[in-house]
Amino acid sequence: MNTLFRGKDFITTQEWSKEELETVFELSNELKMRFALGEPTDHLLRSKTIFMMFFEQSTRTRNSIEAGITQLGGHAHDLTPDKMQLSHGESAKDTAIVLSRFGHAIAIRNCFFGIGNNYMREVAKYADVPVINLQDDFYHPLQGLADLMTIKEKCGNDLRNIKVTISWAYATSHAKPLSVPQTQALLFTRYGMDVTIAHPKEFPLMPELMKQAKQNAEKHGGSLKFTNDMDEAFDGAQIVIPKNWGGFLGVEDPDTDEGKKQMKENLEKHKDWICDERRMSLADKDVLYMHAMPADRGKEVTDSVIDGPHSIIYDEAENRLHTAKAIMALTMGGRP
């Protein structure tokens, strides 16, 4: 077991070895059991401080980090640009150096397309404490950990050739980041799973990251395939994860008014991309339905599916707490 985690950045699961990830899952399971038994864990990060920088709204990520650090004996500072000099143009370098001198970790959510991951890596370059990715425009590693922990709980540790479908779905709440499906594709293929990604042609994922996912599949004995047919993707699937993501790569410039208009027009072509009882019937009889939440009910998924017997969304959400605690305990504590 690798125990050298202290100070290690957690920006993407792809940059952590499988041995390191397995240590995270072992600790997550232990912390989950201790939470269930009511056993205190506040000695692990007693008096440690984590700075949470949120550029967007959050329910599961914000509260799993804040509740988690409290349960580990530390404290979280909930920061938004309006509470900091970011709103006056303070550089990532200066923010990183100052917060490093005040506390023990910096956690960031910045999903602005073309900005988020670059900003996070700029902070990590100058920070003397671990930087934890709370979601950016490319990756959502904490969600990926919780998803895989949940799949392990339901399907066992040997996940080779488990058939997983990651599908685009229609939604109108906002143009959701690419980070969740990309993280799932990268992580699941490292565990030998057979992953199918379905999306309309106007909603591709990042080619360079899908190339990495393909290489993961080849190395670990799984597979990765793509389709523009949601029904085909659901056929025989053991796990389905239908979720919207924005069409940032399907237009020339998504930041312009014309680009936004085109993305909206592309979105409205595919209202039929919904996870309903008919599509669930195409999958394995014991299929599991997952979603990172919040789901656009009635658009991404019907109530009968998300509230039905195949749904494990609340188990998935709960594991956000335990995996977040494991990452904090290892990177903020660990061996000196």
C-alpha atoms as a PDB file:
ATOM      1  CA  MET A   1       0.000   0.000   0.000  1.00  0.00           C
ATOM      2  CA  ASN A   2       1.299   3.416  -0.953  1.00  0.00           C
ATOM      3  CA  THR A   3       1.180   5.736   2.073  1.00  0.00           C
ATOM      4  CA  LEU A   4       2.959   8.755   0.605  1.00  0.00           C
ATOM      5  CA  PHE A   5      -0.027  11.016  -0.034  1.00  0.00           C
ATOM      6  CA  ARG A   6       0.621  14.075   2.086  1.00  0.00           C
ATOM      7  CA  GLY A   7       0.673  17.205  -0.073  1.00  0.00           C
ATOM      8  CA  LYS A   8      -0.355  15.338  -3.242  1.00  0.00           C
ATOM      9  CA  ASP A   9      -2.689  17.244  -5.584  1.00  0.00           C
ATOM     10  CA  PHE A  10      -5.927  15.554  -6.617  1.00  0.00           C
ATOM     11  CA  ILE A  11      -6.843  17.158  -9.944  1.00  0.00           C
ATOM     12  CA  THR A  12      -7.732  14.075 -11.950  1.00  0.00           C
ATOM     13  CA  THR A  13      -7.906  10.354 -11.161  1.00  0.00           C
ATOM     14  CA  GLN A  14      -5.838   9.733 -14.293  1.00  0.00           C
ATOM     15  CA  GLU A  15      -2.797  11.166 -12.492  1.00  0.00           C
ATOM     16  CA  TRP A  16      -3.130   8.751  -9.558  1.00  0.00           C
ATOM     17  CA  SER A  17      -2.020   5.139  -9.873  1.00  0.00           C
ATOM     18  CA  LYS A  18      -4.493   2.297  -9.406  1.00  0.00           C
ATOM     19  CA  GLU A  19      -2.621   1.357  -6.225  1.00  0.00           C
ATOM     20  CA  GLU A  20      -3.192   4.874  -4.893  1.00  0.00           C
ATOM     21  CA  LEU A  21      -6.865   4.792  -5.885  1.00  0.00           C
ATOM     22  CA  GLU A  22      -7.326   1.430  -4.170  1.00  0.00           C
ATOM     23  CA  THR A  23      -5.919   2.945  -0.982  1.00  0.00           C
ATOM     24  CA  VAL A  24      -8.527   5.690  -1.295  1.00  0.00           C
ATOM     25  CA  PHE A  25     -11.313   3.112  -1.629  1.00  0.00           C
ATOM     26  CA  GLU A  26     -10.030   1.108   1.344  1.00  0.00           C
ATOM     27  CA  LEU A  27     -10.022   4.204   3.515  1.00  0.00           C
ATOM     28  CA  SER A  28     -13.412   5.341   2.164  1.00  0.00           C
ATOM     29  CA  ASN A  29     -14.933   2.006   3.197  1.00  0.00           C
ATOM     30  CA  GLU A  30     -13.374   2.227   6.660  1.00  0.00           C
ATOM     31  CA  LEU A  31     -14.587   5.792   7.180  1.00  0.00           C
ATOM     32  CA  LYS A  32     -18.070   4.813   5.961  1.00  0.00           C
ATOM     33  CA  MET A  33     -18.252   2.001   8.488  1.00  0.00           C
ATOM     34  CA  ARG A  34     -17.051   4.221  11.309  1.00  0.00           C
ATOM     35  CA  PHE A  35     -19.630   6.852  10.309  1.00  0.00           C
ATOM     36  CA  ALA A  36     -22.357   4.180  10.397  1.00  0.00           C
ATOM     37  CA  LEU A  37     -21.212   3.040  13.859  1.00  0.00           C
ATOM     38  CA  GLY A  38     -20.979   6.599  15.173  1.00  0.00           C
ATOM     39  CA  GLU A  39     -17.277   6.244  15.899  1.00  0.00           C
ATOM     40  CA  PRO A  40     -15.437   9.583  15.986  1.00  0.00           C
ATOM     41  CA  THR A  41     -12.711  10.321  13.432  1.00  0.00           C
ATOM     42  CA  ASP A  42     -12.002  13.889  14.496  1.00  0.00           C
ATOM     43  CA  HIS A  43      -8.399  13.075  15.405  1.00  0.00           C
ATOM     44  CA  LEU A  44      -7.405  12.559  11.772  1.00  0.00           C
ATOM     45  CA  LEU A  45      -7.318  16.226  10.699  1.00  0.00           C
ATOM     46  CA  ARG A  46      -7.696  18.015  14.011  1.00  0.00           C
ATOM     47  CA  SER A  47      -7.195  21.784  13.642  1.00  0.00           C
ATOM     48  CA  LYS A  48      -6.541  21.508   9.896  1.00  0.00           C
ATOM     49  CA  THR A  49      -8.055  24.080   7.503  1.00  0.00           C
ATOM     50  CA  ILE A  50      -9.258  23.629   3.939  1.00  0.00           C
ATOM     51  CA  PHE A  51     -10.157  26.605   1.742  1.00  0.00           C
ATOM     52  CA  MET A  52     -13.099  25.854  -0.594  1.00  0.00           C
ATOM     53  CA  MET A  53     -13.184  28.173  -3.606  1.00  0.00           C
ATOM     54  CA  PHE A  54     -16.521  27.871  -5.420  1.00  0.00           C
ATOM     55  CA  PHE A  55     -17.028  29.682  -8.705  1.00  0.00           C
ATOM     56  CA  GLU A  56     -20.414  27.896  -9.160  1.00  0.00           C
ATOM     57  CA  GLN A  57     -23.257  26.542  -7.089  1.00  0.00           C
ATOM     58  CA  SER A  58     -22.983  23.184  -5.361  1.00  0.00           C
ATOM     59  CA  THR A  59     -24.961  20.887  -3.078  1.00  0.00           C
ATOM     60  CA  ARG A  60     -23.184  17.511  -2.815  1.00  0.00           C
ATOM     61  CA  THR A  61     -19.634  18.753  -3.340  1.00  0.00           C
ATOM     62  CA  ARG A  62     -19.822  21.715  -0.979  1.00  0.00           C
ATOM     63  CA  ASN A  63     -21.550  19.798   1.790  1.00  0.00           C
ATOM     64  CA  SER A  64     -19.518  16.611   1.483  1.00  0.00           C
ATOM     65  CA  ILE A  65     -16.305  18.629   1.858  1.00  0.00           C
ATOM     66  CA  GLU A  66     -17.588  20.817   4.694  1.00  0.00           C
ATOM     67  CA  ALA A  67     -19.263  17.989   6.609  1.00  0.00           C
ATOM     68  CA  GLY A  68     -16.307  15.730   5.897  1.00  0.00           C
ATOM     69  CA  ILE A  69     -13.617  18.057   7.209  1.00  0.00           C
ATOM     70  CA  THR A  70     -15.726  18.739  10.312  1.00  0.00           C
ATOM     71  CA  GLN A  71     -16.062  15.011  10.982  1.00  0.00           C
ATOM     72  CA  LEU A  72     -12.279  14.676  10.580  1.00  0.00           C
ATOM     73  CA  GLY A  73     -11.699  17.424  13.145  1.00  0.00           C
ATOM     74  CA  GLY A  74     -10.862  20.304  10.821  1.00  0.00           C
ATOM     75  CA  HIS A  75     -12.608  23.357   9.419  1.00  0.00           C
ATOM     76  CA  ALA A  76     -13.636  24.542   5.948  1.00  0.00           C
ATOM     77  CA  HIS A  77     -13.678  28.142   4.743  1.00  0.00           C
ATOM     78  CA  ASP A  78     -16.456  28.575   2.168  1.00  0.00           C
ATOM     79  CA  LEU A  79     -15.138  31.073  -0.368  1.00  0.00           C
ATOM     80  CA  THR A  80     -16.696  32.586  -3.474  1.00  0.00           C
ATOM     81  CA  PRO A  81     -15.169  35.213  -5.799  1.00  0.00           C
ATOM     82  CA  ASP A  82     -17.244  37.978  -4.211  1.00  0.00           C
ATOM     83  CA  LYS A  83     -15.713  37.152  -0.804  1.00  0.00           C
ATOM     84  CA  MET A  84     -12.156  37.354  -2.151  1.00  0.00           C
ATOM     85  CA  GLN A  85      -9.972  39.711  -4.149  1.00  0.00           C
ATOM     86  CA  LEU A  86     -10.540  37.465  -7.166  1.00  0.00           C
ATOM     87  CA  SER A  87     -13.336  39.851  -8.091  1.00  0.00           C
ATOM     88  CA  HIS A  88     -10.691  42.599  -8.276  1.00  0.00           C
ATOM     89  CA  GLY A  89      -8.354  40.549 -10.438  1.00  0.00           C
ATOM     90  CA  GLU A  90      -6.006  38.925  -7.915  1.00  0.00           C
ATOM     91  CA  SER A  91      -3.822  36.367  -9.666  1.00  0.00           C
ATOM     92  CA  ALA A  92      -4.016  32.605  -9.139  1.00  0.00           C
ATOM     93  CA  LYS A  93      -0.357  32.733  -8.046  1.00  0.00           C
ATOM     94  CA  ASP A  94      -0.948  35.247  -5.259  1.00  0.00           C
ATOM     95  CA  THR A  95      -4.091  33.488  -4.067  1.00  0.00           C
ATOM     96  CA  ALA A  96      -2.269  30.136  -3.976  1.00  0.00           C
ATOM     97  CA  ILE A  97       0.739  31.397  -2.025  1.00  0.00           C
ATOM     98  CA  VAL A  98      -1.298  33.318   0.556  1.00  0.00           C
ATOM     99  CA  LEU A  99      -3.839  30.550   1.222  1.00  0.00           C
ATOM    100  CA  SER A 100      -0.982  28.033   1.469  1.00  0.00           C
ATOM    101  CA  ARG A 101       0.428  30.057   4.363  1.00  0.00           C
ATOM    102  CA  PHE A 102      -2.954  30.191   6.105  1.00  0.00           C
ATOM    103  CA  GLY A 103      -4.029  26.565   5.972  1.00  0.00           C
ATOM    104  CA  HIS A 104      -3.539  23.001   4.824  1.00  0.00           C
ATOM    105  CA  ALA A 105      -5.387  22.508   1.502  1.00  0.00           C
ATOM    106  CA  ILE A 106      -7.083  24.451  -1.290  1.00  0.00           C
ATOM    107  CA  ALA A 107     -10.162  22.975  -2.968  1.00  0.00           C
ATOM    108  CA  ILE A 108     -11.547  24.564  -6.135  1.00  0.00           C
ATOM    109  CA  ARG A 109     -14.650  24.312  -8.291  1.00  0.00           C
ATOM    110  CA  ASN A 110     -14.308  26.242 -11.543  1.00  0.00           C
ATOM    111  CA  CYS A 111     -16.273  24.781 -14.468  1.00  0.00           C
ATOM    112  CA  PHE A 112     -16.027  27.696 -16.900  1.00  0.00           C
ATOM    113  CA  PHE A 113     -15.220  26.097 -20.246  1.00  0.00           C
ATOM    114  CA  GLY A 114     -11.648  26.736 -21.334  1.00  0.00           C
ATOM    115  CA  ILE A 115     -10.785  28.303 -17.970  1.00  0.00           C
ATOM    116  CA  GLY A 116     -11.409  25.958 -15.035  1.00  0.00           C
ATOM    117  CA  ASN A 117      -8.681  23.319 -15.346  1.00  0.00           C
ATOM    118  CA  ASN A 118      -6.084  25.893 -16.406  1.00  0.00           C
ATOM    119  CA  TYR A 119      -6.882  28.019 -13.342  1.00  0.00           C
ATOM    120  CA  MET A 120      -6.675  25.017 -11.034  1.00  0.00           C
ATOM    121  CA  ARG A 121      -3.299  23.951 -12.366  1.00  0.00           C
ATOM    122  CA  GLU A 122      -2.010  27.504 -12.039  1.00  0.00           C
ATOM    123  CA  VAL A 123      -2.998  27.488  -8.355  1.00  0.00           C
ATOM    124  CA  ALA A 124      -1.397  24.056  -7.898  1.00  0.00           C
ATOM    125  CA  LYS A 125       1.834  25.313  -9.489  1.00  0.00           C
ATOM    126  CA  TYR A 126       2.321  27.891  -6.729  1.00  0.00           C
ATOM    127  CA  ALA A 127       0.561  26.280  -3.754  1.00  0.00           C
ATOM    128  CA  ASP A 128       2.580  24.589  -1.028  1.00  0.00           C
ATOM    129  CA  VAL A 129      -0.476  22.586   0.076  1.00  0.00           C
ATOM    130  CA  PRO A 130      -2.531  20.001  -1.833  1.00  0.00           C
ATOM    131  CA  VAL A 131      -5.024  21.297  -4.390  1.00  0.00           C
ATOM    132  CA  ILE A 132      -8.231  19.245  -4.585  1.00  0.00           C
ATOM    133  CA  ASN A 133     -10.423  19.444  -7.677  1.00  0.00           C
ATOM    134  CA  LEU A 134     -14.085  20.000  -6.768  1.00  0.00           C
ATOM    135  CA  GLN A 135     -14.938  19.987 -10.512  1.00  0.00           C
ATOM    136  CA  ASP A 136     -13.567  21.827 -13.495  1.00  0.00           C
ATOM    137  CA  ASP A 137     -14.370  21.984 -17.196  1.00  0.00           C
ATOM    138  CA  PHE A 138     -12.496  18.713 -17.910  1.00  0.00           C
ATOM    139  CA  TYR A 139     -12.696  16.562 -14.764  1.00  0.00           C
ATOM    140  CA  HIS A 140     -14.797  15.809 -11.690  1.00  0.00           C
ATOM    141  CA  PRO A 141     -12.570  13.311  -9.846  1.00  0.00           C
ATOM    142  CA  LEU A 142     -14.485  13.283  -6.546  1.00  0.00           C
ATOM    143  CA  GLN A 143     -17.660  12.327  -8.423  1.00  0.00           C
ATOM    144  CA  GLY A 144     -15.740   9.618 -10.248  1.00  0.00           C
ATOM    145  CA  LEU A 145     -14.490   8.137  -6.972  1.00  0.00           C
ATOM    146  CA  ALA A 146     -17.989   8.066  -5.480  1.00  0.00           C
ATOM    147  CA  ASP A 147     -19.389   6.480  -8.637  1.00  0.00           C
ATOM    148  CA  LEU A 148     -16.779   3.734  -8.674  1.00  0.00           C
ATOM    149  CA  MET A 149     -17.103   3.100  -4.938  1.00  0.00           C
ATOM    150  CA  THR A 150     -20.847   2.645  -5.435  1.00  0.00           C
ATOM    151  CA  ILE A 151     -20.356   0.282  -8.369  1.00  0.00           C
ATOM    152  CA  LYS A 152     -17.901  -1.780  -6.308  1.00  0.00           C
ATOM    153  CA  GLU A 153     -20.468  -2.016  -3.511  1.00  0.00           C
ATOM    154  CA  LYS A 154     -23.165  -3.248  -5.885  1.00  0.00           C
ATOM    155  CA  CYS A 155     -21.113  -5.393  -8.292  1.00  0.00           C
ATOM    156  CA  GLY A 156     -18.036  -6.500  -6.341  1.00  0.00           C
ATOM    157  CA  ASN A 157     -14.381  -5.562  -6.713  1.00  0.00           C
ATOM    158  CA  ASP A 158     -13.832  -7.443  -9.968  1.00  0.00           C
ATOM    159  CA  LEU A 159     -15.445  -5.093 -12.483  1.00  0.00           C
ATOM    160  CA  ARG A 160     -13.939  -6.591 -15.627  1.00  0.00           C
ATOM    161  CA  ASN A 161     -16.439  -6.652 -18.508  1.00  0.00           C
ATOM    162  CA  ILE A 162     -19.254  -5.009 -16.543  1.00  0.00           C
ATOM    163  CA  LYS A 163     -21.287  -3.248 -19.241  1.00  0.00           C
ATOM    164  CA  VAL A 164     -21.664   0.465 -18.483  1.00  0.00           C
ATOM    165  CA  THR A 165     -23.465   3.003 -20.632  1.00  0.00           C
ATOM    166  CA  ILE A 166     -22.613   6.690 -20.256  1.00  0.00           C
ATOM    167  CA  SER A 167     -25.233   8.548 -22.247  1.00  0.00           C
ATOM    168  CA  TRP A 168     -26.014  12.144 -23.048  1.00  0.00           C
ATOM    169  CA  ALA A 169     -29.554  13.159 -22.070  1.00  0.00           C
ATOM    170  CA  TYR A 170     -31.719  16.191 -22.763  1.00  0.00           C
ATOM    171  CA  ALA A 171     -31.840  18.949 -20.110  1.00  0.00           C
ATOM    172  CA  THR A 172     -32.557  22.655 -20.026  1.00  0.00           C
ATOM    173  CA  SER A 173     -31.383  23.761 -16.560  1.00  0.00           C
ATOM    174  CA  HIS A 174     -27.962  24.805 -17.896  1.00  0.00           C
ATOM    175  CA  ALA A 175     -25.210  23.615 -20.229  1.00  0.00           C
ATOM    176  CA  LYS A 176     -23.654  21.068 -17.899  1.00  0.00           C
ATOM    177  CA  PRO A 177     -19.865  20.542 -17.975  1.00  0.00           C
ATOM    178  CA  LEU A 178     -18.162  17.687 -19.834  1.00  0.00           C
ATOM    179  CA  SER A 179     -16.308  16.758 -16.662  1.00  0.00           C
ATOM    180  CA  VAL A 180     -18.516  13.979 -15.258  1.00  0.00           C
ATOM    181  CA  PRO A 181     -18.763  11.729 -18.349  1.00  0.00           C
ATOM    182  CA  GLN A 182     -15.100  12.317 -19.196  1.00  0.00           C
ATOM    183  CA  THR A 183     -13.998  11.350 -15.694  1.00  0.00           C
ATOM    184  CA  GLN A 184     -16.184   8.239 -15.754  1.00  0.00           C
ATOM    185  CA  ALA A 185     -14.798   7.189 -19.143  1.00  0.00           C
ATOM    186  CA  LEU A 186     -11.218   7.601 -17.947  1.00  0.00           C
ATOM    187  CA  LEU A 187     -11.746   5.858 -14.615  1.00  0.00           C
ATOM    188  CA  PHE A 188     -14.047   2.976 -15.538  1.00  0.00           C
ATOM    189  CA  THR A 189     -11.807   1.836 -18.392  1.00  0.00           C
ATOM    190  CA  ARG A 190      -8.927   1.463 -15.916  1.00  0.00           C
ATOM    191  CA  TYR A 191     -10.975  -1.212 -14.164  1.00  0.00           C
ATOM    192  CA  GLY A 192     -11.569  -3.311 -17.264  1.00  0.00           C
ATOM    193  CA  MET A 193     -15.185  -2.296 -17.716  1.00  0.00           C
ATOM    194  CA  ASP A 194     -16.905  -2.361 -21.118  1.00  0.00           C
ATOM    195  CA  VAL A 195     -17.928   1.262 -21.566  1.00  0.00           C
ATOM    196  CA  THR A 196     -20.306   2.586 -24.210  1.00  0.00           C
ATOM    197  CA  ILE A 197     -20.663   6.344 -24.673  1.00  0.00           C
ATOM    198  CA  ALA A 198     -23.778   7.566 -26.455  1.00  0.00           C
ATOM    199  CA  HIS A 199     -24.422  11.112 -27.609  1.00  0.00           C
ATOM    200  CA  PRO A 200     -25.907  13.063 -30.525  1.00  0.00           C
ATOM    201  CA  LYS A 201     -23.229  14.065 -33.008  1.00  0.00           C
ATOM    202  CA  GLU A 202     -23.475  17.706 -31.864  1.00  0.00           C
ATOM    203  CA  PHE A 203     -22.427  16.766 -28.298  1.00  0.00           C
ATOM    204  CA  PRO A 204     -18.987  15.103 -28.461  1.00  0.00           C
ATOM    205  CA  LEU A 205     -16.537  14.726 -25.601  1.00  0.00           C
ATOM    206  CA  MET A 206     -12.908  15.866 -25.774  1.00  0.00           C
ATOM    207  CA  PRO A 207     -11.063  13.699 -28.342  1.00  0.00           C
ATOM    208  CA  GLU A 208      -7.744  13.776 -26.474  1.00  0.00           C
ATOM    209  CA  LEU A 209      -9.354  12.493 -23.269  1.00  0.00           C
ATOM    210  CA  MET A 210     -11.321   9.828 -25.112  1.00  0.00           C
ATOM    211  CA  LYS A 211      -8.020   8.710 -26.668  1.00  0.00           C
ATOM    212  CA  GLN A 212      -6.639   8.284 -23.143  1.00  0.00           C
ATOM    213  CA  ALA A 213      -9.749   6.340 -22.126  1.00  0.00           C
ATOM    214  CA  LYS A 214      -9.298   4.068 -25.155  1.00  0.00           C
ATOM    215  CA  GLN A 215      -5.710   3.414 -24.132  1.00  0.00           C
ATOM    216  CA  ASN A 216      -6.883   2.634 -20.586  1.00  0.00           C
ATOM    217  CA  ALA A 217      -9.356   0.086 -21.951  1.00  0.00           C
ATOM    218  CA  GLU A 218      -6.708  -1.596 -24.092  1.00  0.00           C
ATOM    219  CA  LYS A 219      -4.277  -1.784 -21.176  1.00  0.00           C
ATOM    220  CA  HIS A 220      -6.754  -3.147 -18.642  1.00  0.00           C
ATOM    221  CA  GLY A 221      -8.769  -5.563 -20.764  1.00  0.00           C
ATOM    222  CA  GLY A 222     -11.984  -3.577 -21.134  1.00  0.00           C
ATOM    223  CA  SER A 223     -13.458  -1.761 -24.093  1.00  0.00           C
ATOM    224  CA  LEU A 224     -14.677   1.660 -25.145  1.00  0.00           C
ATOM    225  CA  LYS A 225     -17.106   2.310 -27.954  1.00  0.00           C
ATOM    226  CA  PHE A 226     -19.247   5.215 -29.139  1.00  0.00           C
ATOM    227  CA  THR A 227     -22.691   5.456 -30.676  1.00  0.00           C
ATOM    228  CA  ASN A 228     -25.162   8.139 -31.675  1.00  0.00           C
ATOM    229  CA  ASP A 229     -28.086   5.839 -30.806  1.00  0.00           C
ATOM    230  CA  MET A 230     -29.320   5.897 -27.190  1.00  0.00           C
ATOM    231  CA  ASP A 231     -31.358   2.695 -27.622  1.00  0.00           C
ATOM    232  CA  GLU A 232     -28.339   0.831 -28.939  1.00  0.00           C
ATOM    233  CA  ALA A 233     -26.293   2.000 -25.958  1.00  0.00           C
ATOM    234  CA  PHE A 234     -28.891   0.744 -23.457  1.00  0.00           C
ATOM    235  CA  ASP A 235     -29.122  -2.702 -25.024  1.00  0.00           C
ATOM    236  CA  GLY A 236     -27.942  -5.216 -22.400  1.00  0.00           C
ATOM    237  CA  ALA A 237     -26.304  -2.582 -20.185  1.00  0.00           C
ATOM    238  CA  GLN A 238     -25.778  -3.494 -16.534  1.00  0.00           C
ATOM    239  CA  ILE A 239     -25.270   0.113 -15.445  1.00  0.00           C
ATOM    240  CA  VAL A 240     -26.722   3.185 -17.159  1.00  0.00           C
ATOM    241  CA  ILE A 241     -25.652   6.758 -16.473  1.00  0.00           C
ATOM    242  CA  PRO A 242     -27.744   9.096 -18.654  1.00  0.00           C
ATOM    243  CA  LYS A 243     -26.799  12.726 -18.015  1.00  0.00           C
ATOM    244  CA  ASN A 244     -26.706  15.956 -19.947  1.00  0.00           C
ATOM    245  CA  TRP A 245     -23.528  17.721 -20.980  1.00  0.00           C
ATOM    246  CA  GLY A 246     -23.137  20.889 -23.008  1.00  0.00           C
ATOM    247  CA  GLY A 247     -22.351  21.032 -26.707  1.00  0.00           C
ATOM    248  CA  PHE A 248     -19.232  23.151 -26.215  1.00  0.00           C
ATOM    249  CA  LEU A 249     -17.254  21.162 -28.777  1.00  0.00           C
ATOM    250  CA  GLY A 250     -20.063  21.039 -31.323  1.00  0.00           C
ATOM    251  CA  VAL A 251     -19.932  24.740 -32.221  1.00  0.00           C
ATOM    252  CA  GLU A 252     -17.143  26.992 -33.430  1.00  0.00           C
ATOM    253  CA  ASP A 253     -17.076  29.387 -30.466  1.00  0.00           C
ATOM    254  CA  PRO A 254     -19.356  28.541 -27.507  1.00  0.00           C
ATOM    255  CA  ASP A 255     -18.605  31.832 -25.728  1.00  0.00           C
ATOM    256  CA  THR A 256     -20.161  34.051 -28.409  1.00  0.00           C
ATOM    257  CA  ASP A 257     -23.848  34.863 -28.713  1.00  0.00           C
ATOM    258  CA  GLU A 258     -23.923  32.969 -32.007  1.00  0.00           C
ATOM    259  CA  GLY A 259     -22.260  29.953 -30.414  1.00  0.00           C
ATOM    260  CA  LYS A 260     -24.735  29.932 -27.523  1.00  0.00           C
ATOM    261  CA  LYS A 261     -27.631  30.219 -29.965  1.00  0.00           C
ATOM    262  CA  GLN A 262     -26.334  27.294 -31.976  1.00  0.00           C
ATOM    263  CA  MET A 263     -25.856  25.169 -28.858  1.00  0.00           C
ATOM    264  CA  LYS A 264     -29.457  25.849 -27.862  1.00  0.00           C
ATOM    265  CA  GLU A 265     -30.685  24.925 -31.343  1.00  0.00           C
ATOM    266  CA  ASN A 266     -28.665  21.708 -31.221  1.00  0.00           C
ATOM    267  CA  LEU A 267     -30.098  20.904 -27.800  1.00  0.00           C
ATOM    268  CA  GLU A 268     -33.702  21.260 -28.927  1.00  0.00           C
ATOM    269  CA  LYS A 269     -33.193  18.674 -31.679  1.00  0.00           C
ATOM    270  CA  HIS A 270     -32.821  15.897 -29.127  1.00  0.00           C
ATOM    271  CA  LYS A 271     -35.682  16.108 -26.641  1.00  0.00           C
ATOM    272  CA  ASP A 272     -36.226  12.380 -27.136  1.00  0.00           C
ATOM    273  CA  TRP A 273     -32.933  11.546 -25.399  1.00  0.00           C
ATOM    274  CA  ILE A 274     -34.597  10.717 -22.074  1.00  0.00           C
ATOM    275  CA  CYS A 275     -34.111   7.752 -19.762  1.00  0.00           C
ATOM    276  CA  ASP A 276     -37.580   6.231 -19.422  1.00  0.00           C
ATOM    277  CA  GLU A 277     -39.104   2.831 -18.663  1.00  0.00           C
ATOM    278  CA  ARG A 278     -38.939   1.781 -22.321  1.00  0.00           C
ATOM    279  CA  ARG A 279     -35.207   2.374 -22.519  1.00  0.00           C
ATOM    280  CA  MET A 280     -34.617   0.733 -19.141  1.00  0.00           C
ATOM    281  CA  SER A 281     -36.400  -2.352 -20.510  1.00  0.00           C
ATOM    282  CA  LEU A 282     -33.694  -2.629 -23.184  1.00  0.00           C
ATOM    283  CA  ALA A 283     -31.007  -3.016 -20.528  1.00  0.00           C
ATOM    284  CA  ASP A 284     -30.152  -5.976 -18.308  1.00  0.00           C
ATOM    285  CA  LYS A 285     -33.026  -7.032 -16.044  1.00  0.00           C
ATOM    286  CA  ASP A 286     -30.954  -6.041 -12.984  1.00  0.00           C
ATOM    287  CA  VAL A 287     -29.674  -2.796 -14.492  1.00  0.00           C
ATOM    288  CA  LEU A 288     -28.545  -0.055 -12.102  1.00  0.00           C
ATOM    289  CA  TYR A 289     -29.453   3.587 -12.798  1.00  0.00           C
ATOM    290  CA  MET A 290     -26.959   6.257 -11.676  1.00  0.00           C
ATOM    291  CA  HIS A 291     -26.817  10.045 -11.869  1.00  0.00           C
ATOM    292  CA  ALA A 292     -24.436  12.564 -10.318  1.00  0.00           C
ATOM    293  CA  MET A 293     -27.383  14.857  -9.515  1.00  0.00           C
ATOM    294  CA  PRO A 294     -29.093  17.232  -9.759  1.00  0.00           C
ATOM    295  CA  ALA A 295     -31.159  15.544 -12.456  1.00  0.00           C
ATOM    296  CA  ASP A 296     -33.575  17.395 -14.706  1.00  0.00           C
ATOM    297  CA  ARG A 297     -36.632  15.295 -13.900  1.00  0.00           C
ATOM    298  CA  GLY A 298     -38.952  14.828 -16.835  1.00  0.00           C
ATOM    299  CA  LYS A 299     -36.174  15.751 -19.273  1.00  0.00           C
ATOM    300  CA  GLU A 300     -33.071  13.705 -18.508  1.00  0.00           C
ATOM    301  CA  VAL A 301     -35.066  11.004 -16.737  1.00  0.00           C
ATOM    302  CA  THR A 302     -38.635  10.147 -15.785  1.00  0.00           C
ATOM    303  CA  ASP A 303     -39.708  10.060 -12.145  1.00  0.00           C
ATOM    304  CA  SER A 304     -40.598   6.375 -12.473  1.00  0.00           C
ATOM    305  CA  VAL A 305     -36.961   5.557 -13.282  1.00  0.00           C
ATOM    306  CA  ILE A 306     -35.099   7.878 -10.921  1.00  0.00           C
ATOM    307  CA  ASP A 307     -37.408   6.918  -8.036  1.00  0.00           C
ATOM    308  CA  GLY A 308     -37.704   3.304  -9.144  1.00  0.00           C
ATOM    309  CA  PRO A 309     -36.147   0.055  -7.890  1.00  0.00           C
ATOM    310  CA  HIS A 310     -33.110   0.230 -10.198  1.00  0.00           C
ATOM    311  CA  SER A 311     -32.025   3.672  -9.009  1.00  0.00           C
ATOM    312  CA  ILE A 312     -29.013   3.916  -6.692  1.00  0.00           C
ATOM    313  CA  ILE A 313     -28.586   7.690  -6.849  1.00  0.00           C
ATOM    314  CA  TYR A 314     -28.756   8.249  -3.088  1.00  0.00           C
ATOM    315  CA  ASP A 315     -26.148   5.579  -2.351  1.00  0.00           C
ATOM    316  CA  GLU A 316     -24.013   7.273  -4.985  1.00  0.00           C
ATOM    317  CA  ALA A 317     -24.571  10.694  -3.381  1.00  0.00           C
ATOM    318  CA  GLU A 318     -23.767   9.406   0.111  1.00  0.00           C
ATOM    319  CA  ASN A 319     -20.449   8.054  -1.079  1.00  0.00           C
ATOM    320  CA  ARG A 320     -19.439  11.584  -2.032  1.00  0.00           C
ATOM    321  CA  LEU A 321     -18.950  12.145   1.711  1.00  0.00           C
ATOM    322  CA  HIS A 322     -16.813   9.095   2.389  1.00  0.00           C
ATOM    323  CA  THR A 323     -14.559   9.435  -0.658  1.00  0.00           C
ATOM    324  CA  ALA A 324     -14.064  13.160   0.003  1.00  0.00           C
ATOM    325  CA  LYS A 325     -13.055  12.389   3.575  1.00  0.00           C
ATOM    326  CA  ALA A 326     -10.573   9.792   2.355  1.00  0.00           C
ATOM    327  CA  ILE A 327      -8.952  12.218  -0.096  1.00  0.00           C
ATOM    328  CA  MET A 328      -8.673  14.939   2.564  1.00  0.00           C
ATOM    329  CA  ALA A 329      -7.356  12.573   5.228  1.00  0.00           C
ATOM    330  CA  LEU A 330      -4.659  11.216   2.903  1.00  0.00           C
ATOM    331  CA  THR A 331      -3.516  14.464   1.286  1.00  0.00           C
ATOM    332  CA  MET A 332      -3.835  16.759   4.300  1.00  0.00           C
ATOM    333  CA  GLY A 333      -2.657  14.226   6.871  1.00  0.00           C
ATOM    334  CA  GLY A 334      -0.749  11.124   5.935  1.00  0.00           C
ATOM    335  CA  ARG A 335       2.922  10.513   6.539  1.00  0.00           C
ATOM    336  CA  PRO A 336       5.026  13.623   7.151  1.00  0.00           C
END
